[in-house]
Amino acid sequence: MSTSKERSPWPAVRYEGRPWRTVQAEYGSRAPMSLASDPYLASVPAFIADLQWPLDSELQALTEEAASELA
């Protein structure tokens, strides 16, 4: 089991500021619309498709067995 002090190869979550754009600008009062117009932080997913994650031998054998049963 990993501890918080160990570095994981799994990428950390990142965020970026994005403007909030409402589709229904003509509906509602100005006060709620002005509150909803502030920028927000959007999560940026990490690219994990090519990430190599080490599996122990027992888990590797189970995944290969399951994959052969699905084929």
C-alpha atoms as a PDB file:
ATOM      1  CA  MET A   1       0.000   0.000   0.000  1.00  0.00           C
ATOM      2  CA  SER A   2       1.326   3.436  -0.847  1.00  0.00           C
ATOM      3  CA  THR A   3       1.672   6.243   1.627  1.00  0.00           C
ATOM      4  CA  SER A   4       1.177   9.937   1.041  1.00  0.00           C
ATOM      5  CA  LYS A   5       4.954  10.464   1.001  1.00  0.00           C
ATOM      6  CA  GLU A   6       5.476   8.116  -1.974  1.00  0.00           C
ATOM      7  CA  ARG A   7       5.199   9.656  -5.424  1.00  0.00           C
ATOM      8  CA  SER A   8       2.613   7.977  -7.587  1.00  0.00           C
ATOM      9  CA  PRO A   9       3.012   7.704 -11.352  1.00  0.00           C
ATOM     10  CA  TRP A  10      -0.642   8.686 -11.545  1.00  0.00           C
ATOM     11  CA  PRO A  11      -0.914  12.328 -12.712  1.00  0.00           C
ATOM     12  CA  ALA A  12      -2.310  14.859 -10.269  1.00  0.00           C
ATOM     13  CA  VAL A  13      -5.606  16.579 -10.973  1.00  0.00           C
ATOM     14  CA  ARG A  14      -5.206  20.017 -12.517  1.00  0.00           C
ATOM     15  CA  TYR A  15      -7.668  22.869 -12.828  1.00  0.00           C
ATOM     16  CA  GLU A  16      -8.071  25.774 -15.200  1.00  0.00           C
ATOM     17  CA  GLY A  17     -10.206  28.896 -15.002  1.00  0.00           C
ATOM     18  CA  ARG A  18     -13.049  28.947 -17.516  1.00  0.00           C
ATOM     19  CA  PRO A  19     -15.686  31.621 -18.187  1.00  0.00           C
ATOM     20  CA  TRP A  20     -19.246  30.714 -17.325  1.00  0.00           C
ATOM     21  CA  ARG A  21     -21.507  31.150 -20.348  1.00  0.00           C
ATOM     22  CA  THR A  22     -25.207  30.811 -19.840  1.00  0.00           C
ATOM     23  CA  VAL A  23     -27.407  29.711 -22.718  1.00  0.00           C
ATOM     24  CA  GLN A  24     -30.525  31.327 -21.336  1.00  0.00           C
ATOM     25  CA  ALA A  25     -29.263  34.878 -20.793  1.00  0.00           C
ATOM     26  CA  GLU A  26     -32.691  36.367 -21.322  1.00  0.00           C
ATOM     27  CA  TYR A  27     -34.267  34.481 -18.370  1.00  0.00           C
ATOM     28  CA  GLY A  28     -34.035  35.403 -14.708  1.00  0.00           C
ATOM     29  CA  SER A  29     -33.198  38.544 -12.814  1.00  0.00           C
ATOM     30  CA  ARG A  30     -29.886  40.382 -12.998  1.00  0.00           C
ATOM     31  CA  ALA A  31     -28.704  39.410  -9.509  1.00  0.00           C
ATOM     32  CA  PRO A  32     -28.638  35.607 -10.060  1.00  0.00           C
ATOM     33  CA  MET A  33     -27.264  36.142 -13.560  1.00  0.00           C
ATOM     34  CA  SER A  34     -24.380  38.267 -12.274  1.00  0.00           C
ATOM     35  CA  LEU A  35     -23.543  35.623  -9.640  1.00  0.00           C
ATOM     36  CA  ALA A  36     -23.533  32.924 -12.312  1.00  0.00           C
ATOM     37  CA  SER A  37     -21.313  34.912 -14.657  1.00  0.00           C
ATOM     38  CA  ASP A  38     -18.111  34.583 -12.620  1.00  0.00           C
ATOM     39  CA  PRO A  39     -15.368  32.275 -13.906  1.00  0.00           C
ATOM     40  CA  TYR A  40     -15.158  28.797 -12.429  1.00  0.00           C
ATOM     41  CA  LEU A  41     -12.428  26.171 -12.023  1.00  0.00           C
ATOM     42  CA  ALA A  42     -12.805  23.222 -14.386  1.00  0.00           C
ATOM     43  CA  SER A  43     -11.021  19.933 -13.788  1.00  0.00           C
ATOM     44  CA  VAL A  44      -8.540  19.025 -16.516  1.00  0.00           C
ATOM     45  CA  PRO A  45      -8.393  15.243 -16.954  1.00  0.00           C
ATOM     46  CA  ALA A  46      -4.968  13.676 -17.129  1.00  0.00           C
ATOM     47  CA  PHE A  47      -3.855  11.741 -20.192  1.00  0.00           C
ATOM     48  CA  ILE A  48      -3.693   8.215 -18.766  1.00  0.00           C
ATOM     49  CA  ALA A  49      -4.165   6.007 -21.834  1.00  0.00           C
ATOM     50  CA  ASP A  50      -0.438   5.281 -22.162  1.00  0.00           C
ATOM     51  CA  LEU A  51       0.333   5.239 -18.445  1.00  0.00           C
ATOM     52  CA  GLN A  52       2.146   2.058 -17.403  1.00  0.00           C
ATOM     53  CA  TRP A  53       0.801   0.808 -14.078  1.00  0.00           C
ATOM     54  CA  PRO A  54       2.733  -2.077 -12.492  1.00  0.00           C
ATOM     55  CA  LEU A  55       0.606  -5.073 -11.484  1.00  0.00           C
ATOM     56  CA  ASP A  56       1.726  -7.822  -9.148  1.00  0.00           C
ATOM     57  CA  SER A  57       1.972 -11.302 -10.683  1.00  0.00           C
ATOM     58  CA  GLU A  58      -1.252 -12.614  -9.108  1.00  0.00           C
ATOM     59  CA  LEU A  59      -3.323  -9.709 -10.404  1.00  0.00           C
ATOM     60  CA  GLN A  60      -1.651  -9.955 -13.816  1.00  0.00           C
ATOM     61  CA  ALA A  61      -2.618 -13.636 -14.030  1.00  0.00           C
ATOM     62  CA  LEU A  62      -6.224 -12.863 -13.067  1.00  0.00           C
ATOM     63  CA  THR A  63      -6.539 -10.120 -15.680  1.00  0.00           C
ATOM     64  CA  GLU A  64      -5.094 -12.363 -18.406  1.00  0.00           C
ATOM     65  CA  GLU A  65      -7.497 -15.154 -17.418  1.00  0.00           C
ATOM     66  CA  ALA A  66     -10.465 -12.776 -17.501  1.00  0.00           C
ATOM     67  CA  ALA A  67      -9.390 -11.361 -20.876  1.00  0.00           C
ATOM     68  CA  SER A  68      -9.106 -14.862 -22.380  1.00  0.00           C
ATOM     69  CA  GLU A  69     -12.604 -15.736 -21.114  1.00  0.00           C
ATOM     70  CA  LEU A  70     -13.996 -12.616 -22.799  1.00  0.00           C
ATOM     71  CA  ALA A  71     -12.290 -13.358 -26.132  1.00  0.00           C
END
